[in-house]
Amino acid sequence: MAVSVETRYPESPGAAFEDRRSIPSLLKRLTDDITTLFRKEIALAQSETSDALDRAKAGASAMAVGGAVLFAGLIYILGAAVAGLAEVMEVWLASLIVGAVVALIGYVMLQRGKRRIEPAAMKPERTAAALRKDKDMIKDKDMTHRRTP
């Protein structure tokens, strides 16, 4: 013996139609919808994780380039700049000034790359927001059904 539930869905303001479905069919539909929802949430999480890994790769590349620039700066620019500054000041002071400037540039580049691979930059924020929204929706639906006699 199948129990049926009568539900009214408005077609337009003031109008309604009847839909008779059995409780098992409604439960099956609910289960299918929840399964589909969670599959889509998992797919979104995978997509965001992949995007975060791509950003991490870009950050690592930026750090490598920053390191290479720092190294090249220490080799070539130091030599040329020290030679030029040595004409107007002591050689040791010229070396110190040029080395500090090039090291600062390399440090800034490394920090920019490091920020791209921090854990906070890899957080799947869209997935978390979607899951919070789903939780709130389910909670609202549960509260609505509990109030209805």
C-alpha atoms as a PDB file:
ATOM      1  CA  MET A   1       0.000   0.000   0.000  1.00  0.00           C
ATOM      2  CA  ALA A   2       1.611   3.241  -1.128  1.00  0.00           C
ATOM      3  CA  VAL A   3       1.024   6.437   0.825  1.00  0.00           C
ATOM      4  CA  SER A   4       0.792   9.537  -1.274  1.00  0.00           C
ATOM      5  CA  VAL A   5       1.525  13.115  -0.361  1.00  0.00           C
ATOM      6  CA  GLU A   6      -0.429  15.992  -1.784  1.00  0.00           C
ATOM      7  CA  THR A   7       1.648  19.040  -2.562  1.00  0.00           C
ATOM      8  CA  ARG A   8       0.470  22.290  -4.060  1.00  0.00           C
ATOM      9  CA  TYR A   9       2.803  24.258  -6.287  1.00  0.00           C
ATOM     10  CA  PRO A  10       1.695  27.722  -7.425  1.00  0.00           C
ATOM     11  CA  GLU A  11       1.681  28.237 -11.189  1.00  0.00           C
ATOM     12  CA  SER A  12       0.958  31.920 -10.822  1.00  0.00           C
ATOM     13  CA  PRO A  13      -0.147  34.155  -7.950  1.00  0.00           C
ATOM     14  CA  GLY A  14      -3.429  32.854  -6.587  1.00  0.00           C
ATOM     15  CA  ALA A  15      -3.344  29.624  -8.611  1.00  0.00           C
ATOM     16  CA  ALA A  16      -2.240  26.117  -7.585  1.00  0.00           C
ATOM     17  CA  PHE A  17      -2.089  22.589  -8.975  1.00  0.00           C
ATOM     18  CA  GLU A  18      -1.958  19.286  -7.214  1.00  0.00           C
ATOM     19  CA  ASP A  19       0.924  16.859  -7.439  1.00  0.00           C
ATOM     20  CA  ARG A  20       0.439  13.434  -5.933  1.00  0.00           C
ATOM     21  CA  ARG A  21       3.618  11.487  -5.352  1.00  0.00           C
ATOM     22  CA  SER A  22       4.356   8.609  -3.047  1.00  0.00           C
ATOM     23  CA  ILE A  23       6.636   9.133  -0.052  1.00  0.00           C
ATOM     24  CA  PRO A  24       9.155   6.563  -1.340  1.00  0.00           C
ATOM     25  CA  SER A  25       9.414   8.397  -4.665  1.00  0.00           C
ATOM     26  CA  LEU A  26       9.896  11.729  -2.862  1.00  0.00           C
ATOM     27  CA  LEU A  27      12.582  10.208  -0.653  1.00  0.00           C
ATOM     28  CA  LYS A  28      14.326   8.710  -3.686  1.00  0.00           C
ATOM     29  CA  ARG A  29      14.268  12.086  -5.432  1.00  0.00           C
ATOM     30  CA  LEU A  30      15.627  13.775  -2.297  1.00  0.00           C
ATOM     31  CA  THR A  31      18.410  11.192  -2.036  1.00  0.00           C
ATOM     32  CA  ASP A  32      19.275  11.627  -5.730  1.00  0.00           C
ATOM     33  CA  ASP A  33      19.312  15.421  -5.374  1.00  0.00           C
ATOM     34  CA  ILE A  34      21.556  15.299  -2.305  1.00  0.00           C
ATOM     35  CA  THR A  35      23.913  12.861  -4.053  1.00  0.00           C
ATOM     36  CA  THR A  36      24.084  15.117  -7.103  1.00  0.00           C
ATOM     37  CA  LEU A  37      24.685  18.159  -4.918  1.00  0.00           C
ATOM     38  CA  PHE A  38      27.593  16.537  -3.072  1.00  0.00           C
ATOM     39  CA  ARG A  39      29.128  15.273  -6.329  1.00  0.00           C
ATOM     40  CA  LYS A  40      29.050  18.817  -7.684  1.00  0.00           C
ATOM     41  CA  GLU A  41      30.570  20.157  -4.452  1.00  0.00           C
ATOM     42  CA  ILE A  42      33.386  17.603  -4.709  1.00  0.00           C
ATOM     43  CA  ALA A  43      33.974  18.548  -8.351  1.00  0.00           C
ATOM     44  CA  LEU A  44      34.154  22.217  -7.325  1.00  0.00           C
ATOM     45  CA  ALA A  45      36.639  21.385  -4.554  1.00  0.00           C
ATOM     46  CA  GLN A  46      38.789  19.449  -7.047  1.00  0.00           C
ATOM     47  CA  SER A  47      38.691  22.375  -9.466  1.00  0.00           C
ATOM     48  CA  GLU A  48      39.670  24.868  -6.773  1.00  0.00           C
ATOM     49  CA  THR A  49      42.466  22.619  -5.557  1.00  0.00           C
ATOM     50  CA  SER A  50      43.780  22.324  -9.096  1.00  0.00           C
ATOM     51  CA  ASP A  51      43.661  26.118  -9.457  1.00  0.00           C
ATOM     52  CA  ALA A  52      45.506  26.510  -6.147  1.00  0.00           C
ATOM     53  CA  LEU A  53      48.201  24.086  -7.305  1.00  0.00           C
ATOM     54  CA  ASP A  54      48.579  26.039 -10.538  1.00  0.00           C
ATOM     55  CA  ARG A  55      49.040  29.226  -8.493  1.00  0.00           C
ATOM     56  CA  ALA A  56      51.574  27.394  -6.311  1.00  0.00           C
ATOM     57  CA  LYS A  57      53.515  26.348  -9.411  1.00  0.00           C
ATOM     58  CA  ALA A  58      53.488  29.956 -10.615  1.00  0.00           C
ATOM     59  CA  GLY A  59      54.680  31.072  -7.183  1.00  0.00           C
ATOM     60  CA  ALA A  60      57.498  28.548  -7.183  1.00  0.00           C
ATOM     61  CA  SER A  61      58.495  29.687 -10.661  1.00  0.00           C
ATOM     62  CA  ALA A  62      58.468  33.305  -9.517  1.00  0.00           C
ATOM     63  CA  MET A  63      60.665  32.369  -6.565  1.00  0.00           C
ATOM     64  CA  ALA A  64      63.089  30.551  -8.866  1.00  0.00           C
ATOM     65  CA  VAL A  65      63.241  33.520 -11.228  1.00  0.00           C
ATOM     66  CA  GLY A  66      63.699  35.843  -8.261  1.00  0.00           C
ATOM     67  CA  GLY A  67      66.571  33.710  -7.034  1.00  0.00           C
ATOM     68  CA  ALA A  68      68.148  33.673 -10.471  1.00  0.00           C
ATOM     69  CA  VAL A  69      67.829  37.438 -10.747  1.00  0.00           C
ATOM     70  CA  LEU A  70      69.388  37.812  -7.322  1.00  0.00           C
ATOM     71  CA  PHE A  71      72.272  35.564  -8.283  1.00  0.00           C
ATOM     72  CA  ALA A  72      72.827  37.266 -11.643  1.00  0.00           C
ATOM     73  CA  GLY A  73      72.678  40.597  -9.897  1.00  0.00           C
ATOM     74  CA  LEU A  74      75.338  39.529  -7.459  1.00  0.00           C
ATOM     75  CA  ILE A  75      77.612  38.463 -10.276  1.00  0.00           C
ATOM     76  CA  TYR A  76      77.202  41.055 -13.043  1.00  0.00           C
ATOM     77  CA  ILE A  77      75.719  44.196 -11.576  1.00  0.00           C
ATOM     78  CA  LEU A  78      77.918  44.127  -8.510  1.00  0.00           C
ATOM     79  CA  GLY A  79      81.022  43.949 -10.618  1.00  0.00           C
ATOM     80  CA  ALA A  80      80.036  46.766 -12.937  1.00  0.00           C
ATOM     81  CA  ALA A  81      78.516  48.998 -10.297  1.00  0.00           C
ATOM     82  CA  VAL A  82      81.381  48.531  -7.886  1.00  0.00           C
ATOM     83  CA  ALA A  83      83.834  49.429 -10.624  1.00  0.00           C
ATOM     84  CA  GLY A  84      81.874  52.598 -11.382  1.00  0.00           C
ATOM     85  CA  LEU A  85      81.395  53.657  -7.771  1.00  0.00           C
ATOM     86  CA  ALA A  86      84.992  52.883  -6.928  1.00  0.00           C
ATOM     87  CA  GLU A  87      85.882  55.950  -8.976  1.00  0.00           C
ATOM     88  CA  VAL A  88      84.173  58.239  -6.433  1.00  0.00           C
ATOM     89  CA  MET A  89      84.433  56.297  -3.131  1.00  0.00           C
ATOM     90  CA  GLU A  90      86.249  53.475  -1.432  1.00  0.00           C
ATOM     91  CA  VAL A  91      85.915  50.086  -3.171  1.00  0.00           C
ATOM     92  CA  TRP A  92      84.502  48.360  -0.063  1.00  0.00           C
ATOM     93  CA  LEU A  93      81.761  51.006   0.332  1.00  0.00           C
ATOM     94  CA  ALA A  94      80.829  50.782  -3.358  1.00  0.00           C
ATOM     95  CA  SER A  95      80.596  46.981  -3.066  1.00  0.00           C
ATOM     96  CA  LEU A  96      78.400  47.247   0.025  1.00  0.00           C
ATOM     97  CA  ILE A  97      75.937  49.711  -1.531  1.00  0.00           C
ATOM     98  CA  VAL A  98      75.531  47.815  -4.799  1.00  0.00           C
ATOM     99  CA  GLY A  99      75.228  44.458  -3.037  1.00  0.00           C
ATOM    100  CA  ALA A 100      72.527  45.763  -0.669  1.00  0.00           C
ATOM    101  CA  VAL A 101      70.411  47.183  -3.484  1.00  0.00           C
ATOM    102  CA  VAL A 102      70.553  44.001  -5.580  1.00  0.00           C
ATOM    103  CA  ALA A 103      69.871  41.799  -2.529  1.00  0.00           C
ATOM    104  CA  LEU A 104      66.815  43.906  -1.662  1.00  0.00           C
ATOM    105  CA  ILE A 105      65.394  43.491  -5.174  1.00  0.00           C
ATOM    106  CA  GLY A 106      65.880  39.716  -5.035  1.00  0.00           C
ATOM    107  CA  TYR A 107      64.320  39.537  -1.566  1.00  0.00           C
ATOM    108  CA  VAL A 108      61.193  41.382  -2.707  1.00  0.00           C
ATOM    109  CA  MET A 109      60.802  39.029  -5.671  1.00  0.00           C
ATOM    110  CA  LEU A 110      61.185  35.959  -3.431  1.00  0.00           C
ATOM    111  CA  GLN A 111      58.558  37.270  -0.977  1.00  0.00           C
ATOM    112  CA  ARG A 112      56.042  37.816  -3.788  1.00  0.00           C
ATOM    113  CA  GLY A 113      56.517  34.226  -4.940  1.00  0.00           C
ATOM    114  CA  LYS A 114      56.274  32.936  -1.382  1.00  0.00           C
ATOM    115  CA  ARG A 115      52.892  34.650  -0.868  1.00  0.00           C
ATOM    116  CA  ARG A 116      51.481  32.766  -3.838  1.00  0.00           C
ATOM    117  CA  ILE A 117      52.212  29.381  -2.278  1.00  0.00           C
ATOM    118  CA  GLU A 118      51.076  30.060   1.306  1.00  0.00           C
ATOM    119  CA  PRO A 119      48.322  27.713   2.576  1.00  0.00           C
ATOM    120  CA  ALA A 120      45.823  30.587   2.826  1.00  0.00           C
ATOM    121  CA  ALA A 121      46.184  31.189  -0.920  1.00  0.00           C
ATOM    122  CA  MET A 122      45.220  27.560  -1.604  1.00  0.00           C
ATOM    123  CA  LYS A 123      42.018  27.487   0.459  1.00  0.00           C
ATOM    124  CA  PRO A 124      39.036  26.356  -1.665  1.00  0.00           C
ATOM    125  CA  GLU A 125      36.902  29.366  -0.737  1.00  0.00           C
ATOM    126  CA  ARG A 126      34.142  28.868  -3.328  1.00  0.00           C
ATOM    127  CA  THR A 127      33.606  25.296  -2.133  1.00  0.00           C
ATOM    128  CA  ALA A 128      33.497  26.381   1.511  1.00  0.00           C
ATOM    129  CA  ALA A 129      30.973  29.113   0.678  1.00  0.00           C
ATOM    130  CA  ALA A 130      28.823  26.688  -1.310  1.00  0.00           C
ATOM    131  CA  LEU A 131      28.875  24.153   1.529  1.00  0.00           C
ATOM    132  CA  ARG A 132      27.896  26.848   4.056  1.00  0.00           C
ATOM    133  CA  LYS A 133      25.055  27.889   1.763  1.00  0.00           C
ATOM    134  CA  ASP A 134      23.896  24.255   1.436  1.00  0.00           C
ATOM    135  CA  LYS A 135      24.063  23.792   5.206  1.00  0.00           C
ATOM    136  CA  ASP A 136      22.046  26.968   5.798  1.00  0.00           C
ATOM    137  CA  MET A 137      19.486  25.919   3.187  1.00  0.00           C
ATOM    138  CA  ILE A 138      19.071  22.488   4.772  1.00  0.00           C
ATOM    139  CA  LYS A 139      18.834  24.058   8.215  1.00  0.00           C
ATOM    140  CA  ASP A 140      16.182  26.532   6.975  1.00  0.00           C
ATOM    141  CA  LYS A 141      14.193  23.739   5.321  1.00  0.00           C
ATOM    142  CA  ASP A 142      14.412  21.658   8.510  1.00  0.00           C
ATOM    143  CA  MET A 143      13.198  24.568  10.635  1.00  0.00           C
ATOM    144  CA  THR A 144      10.363  25.273   8.176  1.00  0.00           C
ATOM    145  CA  HIS A 145       9.195  21.662   8.311  1.00  0.00           C
ATOM    146  CA  ARG A 146       9.369  21.573  12.109  1.00  0.00           C
ATOM    147  CA  ARG A 147       7.150  24.664  12.432  1.00  0.00           C
ATOM    148  CA  THR A 148       4.525  23.297  10.052  1.00  0.00           C
ATOM    149  CA  PRO A 149       1.980  21.169  11.964  1.00  0.00           C
END
